[in-house]
Amino acid sequence: MANWRSRAAAAAALLLLVSLAASAQQRSAGGLDAMLAEPFPHMPEALGPFSHKISSDNPQAQAFFDHGI
């Protein structure tokens, strides 16, 4: 009988700890939405003259790809 009670108490304690840990998680990114609302600036001079030709003929696509190199 004591074995059953100790297992039930351990399960209840574990459930309590898991629920407390889950409720303590951060709910908001704190202004991240406002930061991501506008596009990031393109800085072509940040890495120098690095470039790798892609299959697109769109110069903006090439610039975007080169920005990520």
C-alpha atoms as a PDB file:
ATOM      1  CA  MET A   1       0.000   0.000   0.000  1.00  0.00           C
ATOM      2  CA  ALA A   2       2.830   2.398   0.846  1.00  0.00           C
ATOM      3  CA  ASN A   3       4.492   1.698  -2.496  1.00  0.00           C
ATOM      4  CA  TRP A   4       1.341   2.793  -4.349  1.00  0.00           C
ATOM      5  CA  ARG A   5       1.068   5.965  -2.267  1.00  0.00           C
ATOM      6  CA  SER A   6       4.696   6.911  -2.803  1.00  0.00           C
ATOM      7  CA  ARG A   7       4.349   6.423  -6.562  1.00  0.00           C
ATOM      8  CA  ALA A   8       1.181   8.537  -6.609  1.00  0.00           C
ATOM      9  CA  ALA A   9       2.898  11.260  -4.579  1.00  0.00           C
ATOM     10  CA  ALA A  10       5.915  11.203  -6.896  1.00  0.00           C
ATOM     11  CA  ALA A  11       3.664  11.407  -9.961  1.00  0.00           C
ATOM     12  CA  ALA A  12       1.738  14.319  -8.438  1.00  0.00           C
ATOM     13  CA  ALA A  13       4.974  16.128  -7.576  1.00  0.00           C
ATOM     14  CA  LEU A  14       6.302  15.566 -11.089  1.00  0.00           C
ATOM     15  CA  LEU A  15       3.065  16.853 -12.602  1.00  0.00           C
ATOM     16  CA  LEU A  16       3.240  19.928 -10.373  1.00  0.00           C
ATOM     17  CA  LEU A  17       6.851  20.640 -11.356  1.00  0.00           C
ATOM     18  CA  VAL A  18       6.119  20.236 -15.061  1.00  0.00           C
ATOM     19  CA  SER A  19       3.091  22.514 -14.876  1.00  0.00           C
ATOM     20  CA  LEU A  20       5.065  25.166 -12.977  1.00  0.00           C
ATOM     21  CA  ALA A  21       7.897  25.019 -15.494  1.00  0.00           C
ATOM     22  CA  ALA A  22       5.460  25.336 -18.390  1.00  0.00           C
ATOM     23  CA  SER A  23       3.720  28.322 -16.830  1.00  0.00           C
ATOM     24  CA  ALA A  24       7.052  30.092 -16.274  1.00  0.00           C
ATOM     25  CA  GLN A  25       7.888  30.197 -19.981  1.00  0.00           C
ATOM     26  CA  GLN A  26       8.191  33.561 -21.717  1.00  0.00           C
ATOM     27  CA  ARG A  27       4.975  34.501 -23.485  1.00  0.00           C
ATOM     28  CA  SER A  28       6.072  37.524 -25.501  1.00  0.00           C
ATOM     29  CA  ALA A  29       9.155  38.384 -27.495  1.00  0.00           C
ATOM     30  CA  GLY A  30       8.961  41.930 -26.149  1.00  0.00           C
ATOM     31  CA  GLY A  31       8.886  44.105 -29.249  1.00  0.00           C
ATOM     32  CA  LEU A  32      10.142  41.554 -31.737  1.00  0.00           C
ATOM     33  CA  ASP A  33       7.015  42.029 -33.866  1.00  0.00           C
ATOM     34  CA  ALA A  34       7.717  45.749 -34.183  1.00  0.00           C
ATOM     35  CA  MET A  35      11.326  45.066 -35.154  1.00  0.00           C
ATOM     36  CA  LEU A  36      10.302  42.583 -37.854  1.00  0.00           C
ATOM     37  CA  ALA A  37       7.544  44.811 -39.266  1.00  0.00           C
ATOM     38  CA  GLU A  38      10.014  46.686 -41.476  1.00  0.00           C
ATOM     39  CA  PRO A  39      12.444  45.005 -43.886  1.00  0.00           C
ATOM     40  CA  PHE A  40      16.073  44.740 -42.910  1.00  0.00           C
ATOM     41  CA  PRO A  41      18.367  47.238 -44.648  1.00  0.00           C
ATOM     42  CA  HIS A  42      20.489  45.969 -47.499  1.00  0.00           C
ATOM     43  CA  MET A  43      24.187  46.591 -46.931  1.00  0.00           C
ATOM     44  CA  PRO A  44      26.084  45.550 -50.086  1.00  0.00           C
ATOM     45  CA  GLU A  45      29.364  47.013 -48.858  1.00  0.00           C
ATOM     46  CA  ALA A  46      29.306  45.065 -45.591  1.00  0.00           C
ATOM     47  CA  LEU A  47      31.220  42.040 -46.909  1.00  0.00           C
ATOM     48  CA  GLY A  48      33.046  43.577 -49.821  1.00  0.00           C
ATOM     49  CA  PRO A  49      32.929  42.454 -53.454  1.00  0.00           C
ATOM     50  CA  PHE A  50      31.812  38.849 -52.816  1.00  0.00           C
ATOM     51  CA  SER A  51      29.341  37.540 -55.388  1.00  0.00           C
ATOM     52  CA  HIS A  52      28.144  34.196 -56.714  1.00  0.00           C
ATOM     53  CA  LYS A  53      25.994  34.065 -59.859  1.00  0.00           C
ATOM     54  CA  ILE A  54      22.498  32.660 -59.332  1.00  0.00           C
ATOM     55  CA  SER A  55      19.990  31.493 -61.937  1.00  0.00           C
ATOM     56  CA  SER A  56      17.693  34.512 -61.570  1.00  0.00           C
ATOM     57  CA  ASP A  57      17.980  37.465 -63.964  1.00  0.00           C
ATOM     58  CA  ASN A  58      16.483  39.771 -61.335  1.00  0.00           C
ATOM     59  CA  PRO A  59      19.195  42.131 -60.009  1.00  0.00           C
ATOM     60  CA  GLN A  60      17.387  42.453 -56.669  1.00  0.00           C
ATOM     61  CA  ALA A  61      17.453  38.672 -56.227  1.00  0.00           C
ATOM     62  CA  GLN A  62      21.187  38.634 -56.992  1.00  0.00           C
ATOM     63  CA  ALA A  63      21.794  41.449 -54.500  1.00  0.00           C
ATOM     64  CA  PHE A  64      19.725  39.650 -51.847  1.00  0.00           C
ATOM     65  CA  PHE A  65      21.693  36.441 -52.390  1.00  0.00           C
ATOM     66  CA  ASP A  66      25.040  38.243 -52.322  1.00  0.00           C
ATOM     67  CA  HIS A  67      24.003  39.946 -49.092  1.00  0.00           C
ATOM     68  CA  GLY A  68      23.648  36.523 -47.460  1.00  0.00           C
ATOM     69  CA  ILE A  69      27.075  35.244 -48.523  1.00  0.00           C
END
